[in-house]
C-alpha atoms as a PDB file:
ATOM      1  CA  UNK A   1       3.892 -22.031  28.806  1.00  0.00           C
ATOM      2  CA  UNK A   2       5.303 -18.983  30.584  1.00  0.00           C
ATOM      3  CA  UNK A   3       1.807 -17.784  31.467  1.00  0.00           C
ATOM      4  CA  UNK A   4       0.898 -21.108  33.186  1.00  0.00           C
ATOM      5  CA  UNK A   5       4.255 -21.065  35.114  1.00  0.00           C
ATOM      6  CA  UNK A   6       3.867 -17.479  36.258  1.00  0.00           C
ATOM      7  CA  UNK A   7       0.247 -18.175  37.239  1.00  0.00           C
ATOM      8  CA  UNK A   8       0.997 -21.203  39.308  1.00  0.00           C
ATOM      9  CA  UNK A   9       3.827 -19.527  41.214  1.00  0.00           C
ATOM     10  CA  UNK A  10       1.802 -16.324  41.750  1.00  0.00           C
ATOM     11  CA  UNK A  11      -1.098 -18.367  43.105  1.00  0.00           C
ATOM     12  CA  UNK A  12       1.354 -20.111  45.471  1.00  0.00           C
ATOM     13  CA  UNK A  13       2.751 -16.778  46.757  1.00  0.00           C
ATOM     14  CA  UNK A  14      -0.679 -15.057  46.962  1.00  0.00           C
ATOM     15  CA  UNK A  15      -2.002 -17.962  49.119  1.00  0.00           C
ATOM     16  CA  UNK A  16       0.761 -17.522  51.655  1.00  0.00           C
ATOM     17  CA  UNK A  17      -0.471 -14.011  52.134  1.00  0.00           C
ATOM     18  CA  UNK A  18      -4.245 -14.987  52.316  1.00  0.00           C
ATOM     19  CA  UNK A  19      -4.812 -13.507  48.866  1.00  0.00           C
ATOM     20  CA  UNK A  20      -5.944 -14.669  45.509  1.00  0.00           C
ATOM     21  CA  UNK A  21      -4.701 -14.087  41.937  1.00  0.00           C
ATOM     22  CA  UNK A  22      -7.560 -12.662  39.812  1.00  0.00           C
ATOM     23  CA  UNK A  23      -5.647 -12.045  36.726  1.00  0.00           C
ATOM     24  CA  UNK A  24      -2.240 -12.379  35.077  1.00  0.00           C
ATOM     25  CA  UNK A  25      -0.907 -10.573  32.028  1.00  0.00           C
ATOM     26  CA  UNK A  26       2.323 -11.464  30.277  1.00  0.00           C
ATOM     27  CA  UNK A  27       3.291  -8.975  27.512  1.00  0.00           C
ATOM     28  CA  UNK A  28       6.299  -7.315  25.893  1.00  0.00           C
ATOM     29  CA  UNK A  29       9.265  -8.783  24.013  1.00  0.00           C
ATOM     30  CA  UNK A  30      11.496 -11.649  24.833  1.00  0.00           C
ATOM     31  CA  UNK A  31      14.129  -9.145  25.853  1.00  0.00           C
ATOM     32  CA  UNK A  32      11.797  -7.027  28.046  1.00  0.00           C
ATOM     33  CA  UNK A  33       8.846  -9.047  29.404  1.00  0.00           C
ATOM     34  CA  UNK A  34       6.266  -7.321  31.690  1.00  0.00           C
ATOM     35  CA  UNK A  35       4.487  -9.607  34.069  1.00  0.00           C
ATOM     36  CA  UNK A  36       1.414  -8.082  35.705  1.00  0.00           C
ATOM     37  CA  UNK A  37      -0.212 -10.040  38.565  1.00  0.00           C
ATOM     38  CA  UNK A  38      -3.493  -8.750  39.941  1.00  0.00           C
ATOM     39  CA  UNK A  39      -4.335  -9.866  43.455  1.00  0.00           C
ATOM     40  CA  UNK A  40      -7.237  -9.520  45.691  1.00  0.00           C
ATOM     41  CA  UNK A  41      -8.024 -10.333  49.255  1.00  0.00           C
ATOM     42  CA  UNK A  42     -11.107 -10.444  51.423  1.00  0.00           C
ATOM     43  CA  UNK A  43      -9.468  -8.029  53.844  1.00  0.00           C
ATOM     44  CA  UNK A  44      -8.480  -5.720  50.902  1.00  0.00           C
ATOM     45  CA  UNK A  45      -5.181  -5.110  49.152  1.00  0.00           C
ATOM     46  CA  UNK A  46      -2.421  -3.062  50.560  1.00  0.00           C
ATOM     47  CA  UNK A  47       0.887  -1.902  49.384  1.00  0.00           C
ATOM     48  CA  UNK A  48       2.558  -4.210  51.965  1.00  0.00           C
ATOM     49  CA  UNK A  49       0.651  -7.174  50.552  1.00  0.00           C
ATOM     50  CA  UNK A  50       1.639  -6.469  46.969  1.00  0.00           C
ATOM     51  CA  UNK A  51       5.243  -5.894  47.871  1.00  0.00           C
ATOM     52  CA  UNK A  52       5.491  -9.083  49.883  1.00  0.00           C
ATOM     53  CA  UNK A  53       3.953 -11.219  47.028  1.00  0.00           C
ATOM     54  CA  UNK A  54       6.124  -9.404  44.563  1.00  0.00           C
ATOM     55  CA  UNK A  55       9.361 -10.088  46.608  1.00  0.00           C
ATOM     56  CA  UNK A  56       8.547 -13.905  47.002  1.00  0.00           C
ATOM     57  CA  UNK A  57       7.534 -14.356  43.319  1.00  0.00           C
ATOM     58  CA  UNK A  58      10.500 -12.559  42.065  1.00  0.00           C
ATOM     59  CA  UNK A  59      12.836 -14.899  43.863  1.00  0.00           C
ATOM     60  CA  UNK A  60      10.976 -17.984  42.656  1.00  0.00           C
ATOM     61  CA  UNK A  61      10.895 -16.694  38.992  1.00  0.00           C
ATOM     62  CA  UNK A  62      14.622 -16.069  39.245  1.00  0.00           C
ATOM     63  CA  UNK A  63      15.427 -19.379  40.984  1.00  0.00           C
ATOM     64  CA  UNK A  64      13.489 -21.338  38.409  1.00  0.00           C
ATOM     65  CA  UNK A  65      14.592 -19.127  35.373  1.00  0.00           C
ATOM     66  CA  UNK A  66      10.968 -18.905  34.183  1.00  0.00           C
ATOM     67  CA  UNK A  67      11.524 -15.702  32.163  1.00  0.00           C
ATOM     68  CA  UNK A  68      14.319 -15.525  29.741  1.00  0.00           C
ATOM     69  CA  UNK A  69      15.957 -12.203  29.598  1.00  0.00           C
ATOM     70  CA  UNK A  70      15.030  -9.169  31.747  1.00  0.00           C
ATOM     71  CA  UNK A  71      11.510  -8.708  33.078  1.00  0.00           C
ATOM     72  CA  UNK A  72       9.438  -6.239  35.017  1.00  0.00           C
ATOM     73  CA  UNK A  73       7.153  -7.656  37.653  1.00  0.00           C
ATOM     74  CA  UNK A  74       4.121  -5.667  38.744  1.00  0.00           C
ATOM     75  CA  UNK A  75       1.878  -6.850  41.527  1.00  0.00           C
ATOM     76  CA  UNK A  76      -1.217  -4.780  42.179  1.00  0.00           C
ATOM     77  CA  UNK A  77      -4.904  -4.816  43.067  1.00  0.00           C
ATOM     78  CA  UNK A  78      -7.296  -5.321  40.144  1.00  0.00           C
ATOM     79  CA  UNK A  79      -8.670  -1.802  40.319  1.00  0.00           C
ATOM     80  CA  UNK A  80     -12.138  -0.833  39.733  1.00  0.00           C
ATOM     81  CA  UNK A  81     -11.969  -1.353  35.972  1.00  0.00           C
ATOM     82  CA  UNK A  82     -11.322  -5.074  36.222  1.00  0.00           C
ATOM     83  CA  UNK A  83     -14.339  -7.267  36.605  1.00  0.00           C
ATOM     84  CA  UNK A  84     -15.270  -9.385  39.660  1.00  0.00           C
ATOM     85  CA  UNK A  85     -14.477 -13.048  39.037  1.00  0.00           C
ATOM     86  CA  UNK A  86     -15.177 -14.898  42.368  1.00  0.00           C
ATOM     87  CA  UNK A  87     -18.241 -14.857  44.610  1.00  0.00           C
ATOM     88  CA  UNK A  88     -16.077 -13.908  47.670  1.00  0.00           C
ATOM     89  CA  UNK A  89     -15.147 -10.731  45.972  1.00  0.00           C
ATOM     90  CA  UNK A  90     -18.650  -9.326  46.110  1.00  0.00           C
ATOM     91  CA  UNK A  91     -18.929  -9.395  49.845  1.00  0.00           C
ATOM     92  CA  UNK A  92     -16.602  -6.377  50.171  1.00  0.00           C
ATOM     93  CA  UNK A  93     -18.595  -4.416  47.751  1.00  0.00           C
ATOM     94  CA  UNK A  94     -22.025  -4.661  49.435  1.00  0.00           C
ATOM     95  CA  UNK A  95     -23.481  -1.145  49.338  1.00  0.00           C
ATOM     96  CA  UNK A  96     -21.796  -0.118  46.116  1.00  0.00           C
ATOM     97  CA  UNK A  97     -23.204   0.202  42.660  1.00  0.00           C
ATOM     98  CA  UNK A  98     -22.571  -2.791  40.214  1.00  0.00           C
ATOM     99  CA  UNK A  99     -23.146  -3.377  36.613  1.00  0.00           C
ATOM    100  CA  UNK A 100     -23.738  -7.022  35.587  1.00  0.00           C
ATOM    101  CA  UNK A 101     -24.142  -8.561  32.202  1.00  0.00           C
ATOM    102  CA  UNK A 102     -26.114 -11.728  31.920  1.00  0.00           C
ATOM    103  CA  UNK A 103     -27.672 -13.660  29.071  1.00  0.00           C
ATOM    104  CA  UNK A 104     -30.808 -11.481  29.727  1.00  0.00           C
ATOM    105  CA  UNK A 105     -28.909  -8.131  29.181  1.00  0.00           C
ATOM    106  CA  UNK A 106     -27.178  -5.434  31.376  1.00  0.00           C
ATOM    107  CA  UNK A 107     -28.269  -4.669  34.872  1.00  0.00           C
ATOM    108  CA  UNK A 108     -27.198  -1.751  37.036  1.00  0.00           C
ATOM    109  CA  UNK A 109     -28.036  -1.367  40.673  1.00  0.00           C
ATOM    110  CA  UNK A 110     -26.809  -1.336  44.311  1.00  0.00           C
ATOM    111  CA  UNK A 111     -25.548  -4.572  45.641  1.00  0.00           C
ATOM    112  CA  UNK A 112     -27.406  -5.167  48.982  1.00  0.00           C
ATOM    113  CA  UNK A 113     -26.646  -8.827  49.777  1.00  0.00           C
ATOM    114  CA  UNK A 114     -24.542 -11.827  48.707  1.00  0.00           C
ATOM    115  CA  UNK A 115     -23.956 -15.417  49.771  1.00  0.00           C
ATOM    116  CA  UNK A 116     -22.053 -18.293  48.069  1.00  0.00           C
ATOM    117  CA  UNK A 117     -24.575 -18.919  45.407  1.00  0.00           C
ATOM    118  CA  UNK A 118     -26.128 -15.437  44.494  1.00  0.00           C
ATOM    119  CA  UNK A 119     -26.136 -11.822  44.966  1.00  0.00           C
ATOM    120  CA  UNK A 120     -29.007  -9.371  45.357  1.00  0.00           C
ATOM    121  CA  UNK A 121     -29.157  -6.021  43.841  1.00  0.00           C
ATOM    122  CA  UNK A 122     -31.549  -3.175  44.350  1.00  0.00           C
ATOM    123  CA  UNK A 123     -32.769  -2.047  40.954  1.00  0.00           C
ATOM    124  CA  UNK A 124     -35.379   0.594  40.762  1.00  0.00           C
ATOM    125  CA  UNK A 125     -36.162   0.035  44.526  1.00  0.00           C
ATOM    126  CA  UNK A 126     -36.811  -3.760  43.833  1.00  0.00           C
ATOM    127  CA  UNK A 127     -34.553  -6.519  45.243  1.00  0.00           C
ATOM    128  CA  UNK A 128     -33.348  -8.654  42.278  1.00  0.00           C
ATOM    129  CA  UNK A 129     -31.403 -11.902  42.793  1.00  0.00           C
ATOM    130  CA  UNK A 130     -28.762 -12.977  40.340  1.00  0.00           C
ATOM    131  CA  UNK A 131     -27.057 -16.413  40.556  1.00  0.00           C
ATOM    132  CA  UNK A 132     -23.258 -16.247  40.197  1.00  0.00           C
ATOM    133  CA  UNK A 133     -23.238 -18.857  37.337  1.00  0.00           C
ATOM    134  CA  UNK A 134     -25.611 -16.601  35.316  1.00  0.00           C
ATOM    135  CA  UNK A 135     -23.323 -13.534  35.456  1.00  0.00           C
ATOM    136  CA  UNK A 136     -21.168 -13.154  32.492  1.00  0.00           C
ATOM    137  CA  UNK A 137     -19.434 -10.001  33.591  1.00  0.00           C
ATOM    138  CA  UNK A 138     -19.655  -7.913  36.778  1.00  0.00           C
ATOM    139  CA  UNK A 139     -18.001  -4.613  37.445  1.00  0.00           C
ATOM    140  CA  UNK A 140     -18.070  -2.123  40.329  1.00  0.00           C
ATOM    141  CA  UNK A 141     -19.251   1.295  39.174  1.00  0.00           C
ATOM    142  CA  UNK A 142     -17.234   4.492  40.218  1.00  0.00           C
ATOM    143  CA  UNK A 143     -19.278   6.531  42.676  1.00  0.00           C
ATOM    144  CA  UNK A 144     -18.796   9.725  40.735  1.00  0.00           C
END
């Protein structure tokens, strides 16, 4: 129940800042709960964006007494190790190396184009399209 309430409130706060919640983690004990909210935005994630969402979300959580006991609220970008979940996220990674998992296996290549339905990766100098609904997991690969 707490997860759903936190997710709903986090999505409301993120939307006010033109951002999206890509993941929520609720962990810890009843006496010290840790709420991690991972947000992304088409224009990128800044410290100011995270702190603005955190301030608003903290007020709502307290007003509605969502978390019993003390809690720590962390709002941050998903980071490179968290997968891409939404088609809009791919646009800002054009030119970067991606790793995709589909039913056909693992695919690694450079993201060269994307639209609302698919992306195109360059794999061994060949343009290979992948429909978003066929992608099971996608991660940006570190350039090093």
